[in-house]
Amino acid sequence: MAGQVLQDEAEALSDINVVPLTDVMLVLLIVFLITTQVIKQTIPIKLPSVRYEPTLTKPENVSLVVRNGPGGTCEVYWGVTKVNQKDLLDRAVKKLEEQIKKVGGVQNINEENMPEAHIRGDINTQYKCIGAAIITMQQAGFQRVGFISEPPPLAGFRAE
């Protein structure tokens, strides 16, 4: 009889009581749900959906590289030539005038033969540098100014 009692007590002690474990897990879950909302401090905005489409490089397109210069200045490169803002405006106007002459007048300019400005901006470039390049190209008459980005690693076909 004493052996049976010891065996029953041993079986009772070997069973894990799940109720306190469940209570602790539910309390932790509620704590984490509450704290994540407190930690998350963002301003609600809607970001554009970006699709990585290959760009068609036409010979009349302009390739610009924009990056930070020393002392908070901006460096802009037309191709591989460093230009200042006035030179950028002059080159852009000259490029459009040449394209208009090439197609036979303003009336013959369309989407296919209108040059575009493609800007490659370093990831650490100040917004004022990129913004100044965009405004200068728009002042010159470029209607399409785009950005060249690098897709994330292993960015393959994405079905939508």
N, C-alpha and C. Protein backbone atom coordinates (compact mmCIF):
# COMPACT_ATOMS: atom_id res chain seq x y z
N MET A 1 0.81 -1.18 0.00
CA MET A 1 0.00 0.00 0.00
C MET A 1 0.86 1.25 0.00
N ALA A 2 1.89 1.25 0.81
CA ALA A 2 2.79 2.41 0.85
C ALA A 2 3.50 2.57 -0.48
N GLY A 3 3.80 1.43 -1.12
CA GLY A 3 4.44 1.50 -2.44
C GLY A 3 3.52 2.11 -3.48
N GLN A 4 2.22 1.78 -3.37
CA GLN A 4 1.24 2.34 -4.30
C GLN A 4 1.11 3.83 -4.11
N VAL A 5 1.12 4.31 -2.89
CA VAL A 5 1.00 5.74 -2.60
C VAL A 5 2.21 6.48 -3.15
N LEU A 6 3.40 5.91 -2.95
CA LEU A 6 4.61 6.54 -3.48
C LEU A 6 4.58 6.59 -5.01
N GLN A 7 4.08 5.56 -5.62
CA GLN A 7 4.00 5.53 -7.08
C GLN A 7 2.98 6.57 -7.58
N ASP A 8 1.84 6.73 -6.92
CA ASP A 8 0.84 7.72 -7.29
C ASP A 8 1.39 9.14 -7.13
N GLU A 9 2.15 9.36 -6.02
CA GLU A 9 2.74 10.68 -5.82
C GLU A 9 3.79 10.99 -6.88
N ALA A 10 4.56 9.99 -7.27
CA ALA A 10 5.58 10.17 -8.30
C ALA A 10 4.94 10.52 -9.63
N GLU A 11 3.83 9.88 -9.98
CA GLU A 11 3.13 10.18 -11.23
C GLU A 11 2.53 11.58 -11.19
N ALA A 12 2.00 11.98 -10.03
CA ALA A 12 1.41 13.31 -9.90
C ALA A 12 2.48 14.38 -10.02
N LEU A 13 3.65 14.14 -9.48
CA LEU A 13 4.73 15.12 -9.57
C LEU A 13 5.33 15.19 -10.97
N SER A 14 5.27 14.10 -11.71
CA SER A 14 5.85 14.10 -13.05
C SER A 14 4.97 14.81 -14.08
N ASP A 15 3.70 14.99 -13.80
CA ASP A 15 2.81 15.73 -14.71
C ASP A 15 3.07 17.22 -14.57
N ILE A 16 3.22 17.89 -15.70
CA ILE A 16 3.47 19.33 -15.69
C ILE A 16 2.14 20.06 -15.62
N ASN A 17 2.05 21.03 -14.73
CA ASN A 17 0.85 21.84 -14.61
C ASN A 17 0.93 22.95 -15.67
N VAL A 18 0.08 22.90 -16.68
CA VAL A 18 0.13 23.80 -17.83
C VAL A 18 -0.59 25.12 -17.58
N VAL A 19 -1.47 25.16 -16.62
CA VAL A 19 -2.27 26.37 -16.37
C VAL A 19 -1.40 27.57 -16.01
N PRO A 20 -0.45 27.48 -15.08
CA PRO A 20 0.38 28.67 -14.79
C PRO A 20 1.23 29.09 -15.99
N LEU A 21 1.72 28.12 -16.76
CA LEU A 21 2.51 28.43 -17.96
C LEU A 21 1.66 29.21 -18.97
N THR A 22 0.42 28.78 -19.16
CA THR A 22 -0.48 29.47 -20.08
C THR A 22 -0.79 30.88 -19.58
N ASP A 23 -1.00 31.03 -18.30
CA ASP A 23 -1.27 32.36 -17.74
C ASP A 23 -0.09 33.30 -17.97
N VAL A 24 1.11 32.84 -17.73
CA VAL A 24 2.31 33.67 -17.92
C VAL A 24 2.46 34.04 -19.39
N MET A 25 2.25 33.10 -20.29
CA MET A 25 2.39 33.37 -21.71
C MET A 25 1.36 34.39 -22.20
N LEU A 26 0.12 34.31 -21.72
CA LEU A 26 -0.90 35.28 -22.11
C LEU A 26 -0.57 36.67 -21.59
N VAL A 27 -0.07 36.75 -20.35
CA VAL A 27 0.32 38.05 -19.80
C VAL A 27 1.47 38.65 -20.61
N LEU A 28 2.46 37.84 -20.96
CA LEU A 28 3.58 38.34 -21.78
C LEU A 28 3.10 38.80 -23.16
N LEU A 29 2.19 38.06 -23.76
CA LEU A 29 1.65 38.44 -25.06
C LEU A 29 0.96 39.80 -24.99
N ILE A 30 0.15 40.01 -23.98
CA ILE A 30 -0.54 41.29 -23.82
C ILE A 30 0.46 42.41 -23.58
N VAL A 31 1.48 42.17 -22.78
CA VAL A 31 2.51 43.19 -22.53
C VAL A 31 3.22 43.56 -23.82
N PHE A 32 3.60 42.58 -24.61
CA PHE A 32 4.28 42.87 -25.87
C PHE A 32 3.38 43.60 -26.86
N LEU A 33 2.11 43.23 -26.92
CA LEU A 33 1.19 43.93 -27.82
C LEU A 33 1.03 45.40 -27.44
N ILE A 34 0.99 45.68 -26.16
CA ILE A 34 0.84 47.06 -25.70
C ILE A 34 2.12 47.85 -25.92
N THR A 35 3.27 47.26 -25.60
CA THR A 35 4.53 48.02 -25.71
C THR A 35 4.93 48.28 -27.16
N THR A 36 4.59 47.40 -28.08
CA THR A 36 4.96 47.67 -29.47
C THR A 36 4.22 48.90 -30.01
N GLN A 37 3.01 49.13 -29.56
CA GLN A 37 2.29 50.32 -30.01
C GLN A 37 2.86 51.58 -29.39
N VAL A 38 3.40 51.49 -28.18
CA VAL A 38 4.01 52.64 -27.53
C VAL A 38 5.36 52.97 -28.15
N ILE A 39 6.12 51.93 -28.50
CA ILE A 39 7.45 52.12 -29.06
C ILE A 39 7.37 52.70 -30.48
N LYS A 40 6.40 52.29 -31.23
CA LYS A 40 6.28 52.69 -32.63
C LYS A 40 5.81 54.14 -32.71
N GLN A 41 6.74 55.03 -33.08
CA GLN A 41 6.42 56.45 -33.21
C GLN A 41 6.68 56.86 -34.66
N THR A 42 5.67 56.85 -35.46
CA THR A 42 5.82 57.22 -36.86
C THR A 42 4.74 58.20 -37.27
N ILE A 43 5.01 58.88 -38.34
CA ILE A 43 4.03 59.77 -38.95
C ILE A 43 3.38 58.98 -40.08
N PRO A 44 2.07 58.91 -40.11
CA PRO A 44 1.43 58.10 -41.15
C PRO A 44 1.59 58.73 -42.53
N ILE A 45 2.22 57.99 -43.42
CA ILE A 45 2.37 58.40 -44.82
C ILE A 45 2.13 57.19 -45.69
N LYS A 46 1.85 57.45 -46.94
CA LYS A 46 1.69 56.36 -47.90
C LYS A 46 2.84 56.44 -48.88
N LEU A 47 3.65 55.41 -48.91
CA LEU A 47 4.79 55.38 -49.80
C LEU A 47 4.37 54.82 -51.15
N PRO A 48 5.01 55.28 -52.21
CA PRO A 48 4.66 54.77 -53.53
C PRO A 48 5.12 53.33 -53.70
N SER A 49 4.38 52.60 -54.48
CA SER A 49 4.80 51.24 -54.83
C SER A 49 5.84 51.34 -55.92
N VAL A 50 6.98 50.74 -55.70
CA VAL A 50 8.08 50.83 -56.66
C VAL A 50 8.20 49.50 -57.37
N ARG A 51 8.24 49.57 -58.66
CA ARG A 51 8.47 48.39 -59.47
C ARG A 51 9.79 48.59 -60.18
N TYR A 52 10.61 47.61 -60.14
CA TYR A 52 11.91 47.71 -60.77
C TYR A 52 11.77 47.32 -62.24
N GLU A 53 11.70 48.34 -63.05
CA GLU A 53 11.59 48.12 -64.48
C GLU A 53 12.89 48.58 -65.12
N PRO A 54 13.41 47.80 -66.03
CA PRO A 54 14.64 48.23 -66.69
C PRO A 54 14.39 49.50 -67.50
N THR A 55 15.34 50.43 -67.44
CA THR A 55 15.19 51.67 -68.19
C THR A 55 15.82 51.49 -69.56
N LEU A 56 15.17 52.06 -70.53
CA LEU A 56 15.71 52.05 -71.88
C LEU A 56 16.64 53.25 -72.02
N THR A 57 17.88 52.97 -72.30
CA THR A 57 18.84 54.05 -72.44
C THR A 57 18.87 54.47 -73.90
N LYS A 58 18.41 55.69 -74.14
CA LYS A 58 18.44 56.25 -75.48
C LYS A 58 19.64 57.18 -75.58
N PRO A 59 20.20 57.33 -76.74
CA PRO A 59 21.39 58.18 -76.86
C PRO A 59 21.12 59.64 -76.50
N GLU A 60 19.89 60.10 -76.62
CA GLU A 60 19.61 61.50 -76.31
C GLU A 60 19.37 61.75 -74.82
N ASN A 61 19.31 60.69 -74.00
CA ASN A 61 19.12 60.86 -72.56
C ASN A 61 20.37 61.44 -71.91
N VAL A 62 20.14 62.15 -70.81
CA VAL A 62 21.23 62.77 -70.06
C VAL A 62 21.40 62.00 -68.76
N SER A 63 22.63 61.61 -68.48
CA SER A 63 22.93 60.88 -67.25
C SER A 63 23.65 61.82 -66.29
N LEU A 64 23.04 62.04 -65.13
CA LEU A 64 23.62 62.91 -64.11
C LEU A 64 23.95 62.08 -62.87
N VAL A 65 25.06 62.42 -62.24
CA VAL A 65 25.42 61.83 -60.95
C VAL A 65 25.48 62.98 -59.95
N VAL A 66 24.77 62.82 -58.83
CA VAL A 66 24.73 63.87 -57.80
C VAL A 66 25.23 63.26 -56.50
N ARG A 67 26.14 63.98 -55.84
CA ARG A 67 26.65 63.51 -54.55
C ARG A 67 27.06 64.70 -53.70
N ASN A 68 27.27 64.44 -52.42
CA ASN A 68 27.73 65.49 -51.51
C ASN A 68 29.18 65.82 -51.82
N GLY A 69 29.49 67.11 -51.74
CA GLY A 69 30.86 67.56 -51.90
C GLY A 69 31.46 67.92 -50.55
N PRO A 70 32.68 68.40 -50.55
CA PRO A 70 33.31 68.78 -49.29
C PRO A 70 32.66 70.03 -48.70
N GLY A 71 32.53 70.05 -47.38
CA GLY A 71 31.99 71.23 -46.70
C GLY A 71 30.51 71.47 -46.93
N GLY A 72 29.73 70.42 -47.19
CA GLY A 72 28.29 70.58 -47.38
C GLY A 72 27.90 71.08 -48.76
N THR A 73 28.82 71.09 -49.71
CA THR A 73 28.49 71.49 -51.08
C THR A 73 27.95 70.30 -51.85
N CYS A 74 27.48 70.59 -53.06
CA CYS A 74 26.94 69.54 -53.92
C CYS A 74 27.83 69.39 -55.14
N GLU A 75 28.00 68.17 -55.58
CA GLU A 75 28.74 67.89 -56.80
C GLU A 75 27.80 67.25 -57.80
N VAL A 76 27.76 67.80 -59.01
CA VAL A 76 26.92 67.26 -60.07
C VAL A 76 27.83 66.93 -61.25
N TYR A 77 27.65 65.75 -61.82
CA TYR A 77 28.45 65.30 -62.96
C TYR A 77 27.53 65.04 -64.14
N TRP A 78 27.84 65.63 -65.27
CA TRP A 78 27.15 65.37 -66.53
C TRP A 78 27.99 64.29 -67.21
N GLY A 79 27.48 63.08 -67.19
CA GLY A 79 28.33 61.97 -67.64
C GLY A 79 29.44 61.79 -66.61
N VAL A 80 30.68 62.11 -67.02
CA VAL A 80 31.81 62.05 -66.08
C VAL A 80 32.42 63.42 -65.85
N THR A 81 31.81 64.47 -66.44
CA THR A 81 32.33 65.83 -66.31
C THR A 81 31.63 66.56 -65.18
N LYS A 82 32.41 67.10 -64.26
CA LYS A 82 31.85 67.86 -63.13
C LYS A 82 31.37 69.21 -63.65
N VAL A 83 30.14 69.59 -63.29
CA VAL A 83 29.56 70.86 -63.72
C VAL A 83 28.97 71.59 -62.52
N ASN A 84 28.91 72.92 -62.62
CA ASN A 84 28.20 73.69 -61.60
C ASN A 84 26.77 73.92 -62.10
N GLN A 85 25.97 74.63 -61.33
CA GLN A 85 24.55 74.77 -61.67
C GLN A 85 24.36 75.54 -62.98
N LYS A 86 25.14 76.58 -63.21
CA LYS A 86 25.00 77.36 -64.45
C LYS A 86 25.40 76.51 -65.65
N ASP A 87 26.52 75.78 -65.53
CA ASP A 87 26.94 74.90 -66.63
C ASP A 87 25.90 73.81 -66.90
N LEU A 88 25.30 73.30 -65.83
CA LEU A 88 24.26 72.28 -65.98
C LEU A 88 23.08 72.83 -66.76
N LEU A 89 22.64 74.04 -66.42
CA LEU A 89 21.52 74.66 -67.13
C LEU A 89 21.89 74.91 -68.59
N ASP A 90 23.09 75.44 -68.84
CA ASP A 90 23.52 75.72 -70.22
C ASP A 90 23.61 74.44 -71.05
N ARG A 91 24.20 73.40 -70.48
CA ARG A 91 24.31 72.13 -71.21
C ARG A 91 22.93 71.53 -71.50
N ALA A 92 22.03 71.61 -70.53
CA ALA A 92 20.70 71.03 -70.70
C ALA A 92 19.92 71.77 -71.79
N VAL A 93 19.99 73.11 -71.79
CA VAL A 93 19.31 73.89 -72.82
C VAL A 93 19.90 73.57 -74.20
N LYS A 94 21.22 73.49 -74.27
CA LYS A 94 21.89 73.17 -75.54
C LYS A 94 21.49 71.78 -76.03
N LYS A 95 21.40 70.81 -75.11
CA LYS A 95 21.00 69.45 -75.48
C LYS A 95 19.59 69.43 -76.06
N LEU A 96 18.66 70.18 -75.44
CA LEU A 96 17.29 70.23 -75.97
C LEU A 96 17.23 70.93 -77.32
N GLU A 97 17.98 72.02 -77.47
CA GLU A 97 18.00 72.72 -78.75
C GLU A 97 18.53 71.82 -79.86
N GLU A 98 19.58 71.06 -79.57
CA GLU A 98 20.13 70.13 -80.56
C GLU A 98 19.12 69.06 -80.94
N GLN A 99 18.40 68.55 -79.95
CA GLN A 99 17.40 67.52 -80.22
C GLN A 99 16.25 68.08 -81.05
N ILE A 100 15.85 69.32 -80.79
CA ILE A 100 14.77 69.93 -81.56
C ILE A 100 15.21 70.11 -83.01
N LYS A 101 16.43 70.57 -83.21
CA LYS A 101 16.95 70.71 -84.58
C LYS A 101 17.04 69.35 -85.26
N LYS A 102 17.46 68.34 -84.53
CA LYS A 102 17.64 67.00 -85.09
C LYS A 102 16.32 66.41 -85.60
N VAL A 103 15.22 66.66 -84.88
CA VAL A 103 13.93 66.08 -85.30
C VAL A 103 13.16 67.00 -86.24
N GLY A 104 13.66 68.19 -86.49
CA GLY A 104 13.02 69.07 -87.46
C GLY A 104 12.04 70.06 -86.88
N GLY A 105 12.18 70.41 -85.61
CA GLY A 105 11.32 71.43 -85.01
C GLY A 105 10.56 70.92 -83.80
N VAL A 106 10.01 71.89 -83.06
CA VAL A 106 9.29 71.57 -81.82
C VAL A 106 8.06 70.72 -82.11
N GLN A 107 7.42 70.93 -83.24
CA GLN A 107 6.21 70.19 -83.57
C GLN A 107 6.47 68.69 -83.74
N ASN A 108 7.71 68.30 -83.97
CA ASN A 108 8.04 66.89 -84.16
C ASN A 108 8.52 66.20 -82.89
N ILE A 109 8.59 66.92 -81.79
CA ILE A 109 9.00 66.31 -80.51
C ILE A 109 7.84 65.49 -79.95
N ASN A 110 8.12 64.25 -79.58
CA ASN A 110 7.11 63.39 -78.97
C ASN A 110 7.76 62.57 -77.86
N GLU A 111 7.01 61.64 -77.29
CA GLU A 111 7.52 60.84 -76.16
C GLU A 111 8.74 60.01 -76.55
N GLU A 112 8.78 59.53 -77.78
CA GLU A 112 9.87 58.64 -78.18
C GLU A 112 11.19 59.38 -78.36
N ASN A 113 11.16 60.62 -78.83
CA ASN A 113 12.42 61.31 -79.11
C ASN A 113 12.74 62.45 -78.12
N MET A 114 11.90 62.62 -77.12
CA MET A 114 12.17 63.64 -76.10
C MET A 114 13.23 63.11 -75.15
N PRO A 115 14.32 63.82 -74.95
CA PRO A 115 15.35 63.33 -74.03
C PRO A 115 14.87 63.37 -72.58
N GLU A 116 15.41 62.48 -71.80
CA GLU A 116 15.09 62.39 -70.38
C GLU A 116 16.36 62.63 -69.58
N ALA A 117 16.19 63.08 -68.36
CA ALA A 117 17.32 63.22 -67.44
C ALA A 117 17.23 62.10 -66.42
N HIS A 118 18.30 61.31 -66.33
CA HIS A 118 18.38 60.22 -65.38
C HIS A 118 19.38 60.60 -64.30
N ILE A 119 18.91 60.66 -63.06
CA ILE A 119 19.76 61.09 -61.95
C ILE A 119 20.12 59.88 -61.10
N ARG A 120 21.41 59.74 -60.88
CA ARG A 120 21.92 58.75 -59.94
C ARG A 120 22.39 59.51 -58.72
N GLY A 121 21.73 59.32 -57.61
CA GLY A 121 22.09 60.02 -56.39
C GLY A 121 22.67 59.07 -55.37
N ASP A 122 23.80 59.45 -54.79
CA ASP A 122 24.39 58.65 -53.73
C ASP A 122 23.41 58.55 -52.58
N ILE A 123 23.44 57.43 -51.86
CA ILE A 123 22.47 57.21 -50.79
C ILE A 123 22.59 58.24 -49.68
N ASN A 124 23.75 58.83 -49.49
CA ASN A 124 23.96 59.80 -48.42
C ASN A 124 23.86 61.25 -48.91
N THR A 125 23.44 61.46 -50.14
CA THR A 125 23.35 62.80 -50.69
C THR A 125 22.22 63.59 -50.04
N GLN A 126 22.49 64.84 -49.75
CA GLN A 126 21.47 65.70 -49.17
C GLN A 126 20.36 65.94 -50.19
N TYR A 127 19.17 66.10 -49.68
CA TYR A 127 18.03 66.32 -50.57
C TYR A 127 18.19 67.61 -51.38
N LYS A 128 18.79 68.64 -50.78
CA LYS A 128 18.93 69.90 -51.49
C LYS A 128 19.77 69.74 -52.76
N CYS A 129 20.72 68.84 -52.76
CA CYS A 129 21.55 68.61 -53.95
C CYS A 129 20.73 67.98 -55.07
N ILE A 130 19.97 66.95 -54.73
CA ILE A 130 19.14 66.27 -55.74
C ILE A 130 18.03 67.21 -56.21
N GLY A 131 17.42 67.93 -55.27
CA GLY A 131 16.36 68.86 -55.64
C GLY A 131 16.84 69.96 -56.57
N ALA A 132 18.04 70.47 -56.32
CA ALA A 132 18.58 71.52 -57.19
C ALA A 132 18.81 70.99 -58.60
N ALA A 133 19.29 69.75 -58.71
CA ALA A 133 19.50 69.16 -60.04
C ALA A 133 18.17 68.97 -60.76
N ILE A 134 17.15 68.55 -60.05
CA ILE A 134 15.82 68.36 -60.67
C ILE A 134 15.28 69.69 -61.17
N ILE A 135 15.33 70.70 -60.32
CA ILE A 135 14.80 72.02 -60.69
C ILE A 135 15.55 72.59 -61.87
N THR A 136 16.87 72.46 -61.89
CA THR A 136 17.66 72.98 -63.00
C THR A 136 17.28 72.30 -64.31
N MET A 137 17.11 70.99 -64.28
CA MET A 137 16.75 70.26 -65.50
C MET A 137 15.33 70.64 -65.96
N GLN A 138 14.44 70.87 -65.02
CA GLN A 138 13.09 71.29 -65.39
C GLN A 138 13.10 72.71 -65.95
N GLN A 139 13.93 73.58 -65.39
CA GLN A 139 14.04 74.94 -65.92
C GLN A 139 14.59 74.92 -67.34
N ALA A 140 15.45 73.97 -67.64
CA ALA A 140 16.01 73.87 -68.98
C ALA A 140 14.98 73.38 -69.98
N GLY A 141 13.93 72.71 -69.50
CA GLY A 141 12.88 72.24 -70.39
C GLY A 141 12.70 70.74 -70.42
N PHE A 142 13.45 70.01 -69.62
CA PHE A 142 13.28 68.57 -69.56
C PHE A 142 11.98 68.26 -68.84
N GLN A 143 11.10 67.53 -69.53
CA GLN A 143 9.81 67.20 -68.94
C GLN A 143 9.87 65.93 -68.12
N ARG A 144 10.83 65.07 -68.43
CA ARG A 144 10.93 63.80 -67.72
C ARG A 144 12.28 63.73 -67.01
N VAL A 145 12.21 63.73 -65.69
CA VAL A 145 13.40 63.59 -64.86
C VAL A 145 13.16 62.38 -63.97
N GLY A 146 14.03 61.39 -64.07
CA GLY A 146 13.84 60.17 -63.30
C GLY A 146 15.07 59.82 -62.49
N PHE A 147 14.92 58.80 -61.67
CA PHE A 147 16.00 58.36 -60.81
C PHE A 147 16.41 56.95 -61.18
N ILE A 148 17.69 56.74 -61.18
CA ILE A 148 18.22 55.40 -61.41
C ILE A 148 18.57 54.83 -60.04
N SER A 149 18.02 53.68 -59.72
CA SER A 149 18.28 53.06 -58.43
C SER A 149 18.82 51.66 -58.66
N GLU A 150 19.36 51.12 -57.61
CA GLU A 150 19.87 49.76 -57.68
C GLU A 150 18.87 48.86 -57.00
N PRO A 151 18.40 47.83 -57.70
CA PRO A 151 17.43 46.93 -57.06
C PRO A 151 18.09 46.18 -55.91
N PRO A 152 17.29 45.76 -54.95
CA PRO A 152 17.87 45.00 -53.83
C PRO A 152 18.48 43.70 -54.33
N PRO A 153 19.42 43.14 -53.58
CA PRO A 153 20.03 41.88 -54.00
C PRO A 153 18.99 40.79 -54.19
N LEU A 154 19.21 39.99 -55.17
CA LEU A 154 18.32 38.88 -55.51
C LEU A 154 16.91 39.33 -55.83
N ALA A 155 16.79 40.53 -56.41
CA ALA A 155 15.46 41.01 -56.81
C ALA A 155 15.17 40.43 -58.19
N GLY A 156 14.45 39.39 -58.20
CA GLY A 156 14.12 38.75 -59.46
C GLY A 156 12.72 39.12 -59.91
N PHE A 157 12.12 38.25 -60.62
CA PHE A 157 10.77 38.48 -61.12
C PHE A 157 9.81 38.47 -59.94
N ARG A 158 8.96 39.45 -59.89
CA ARG A 158 7.98 39.55 -58.81
C ARG A 158 6.59 39.52 -59.43
N ALA A 159 5.85 38.50 -59.12
CA ALA A 159 4.49 38.39 -59.66
C ALA A 159 3.55 39.21 -58.81
N GLU A 160 2.72 39.99 -59.46
CA GLU A 160 1.74 40.82 -58.73
C GLU A 160 0.35 40.52 -59.21
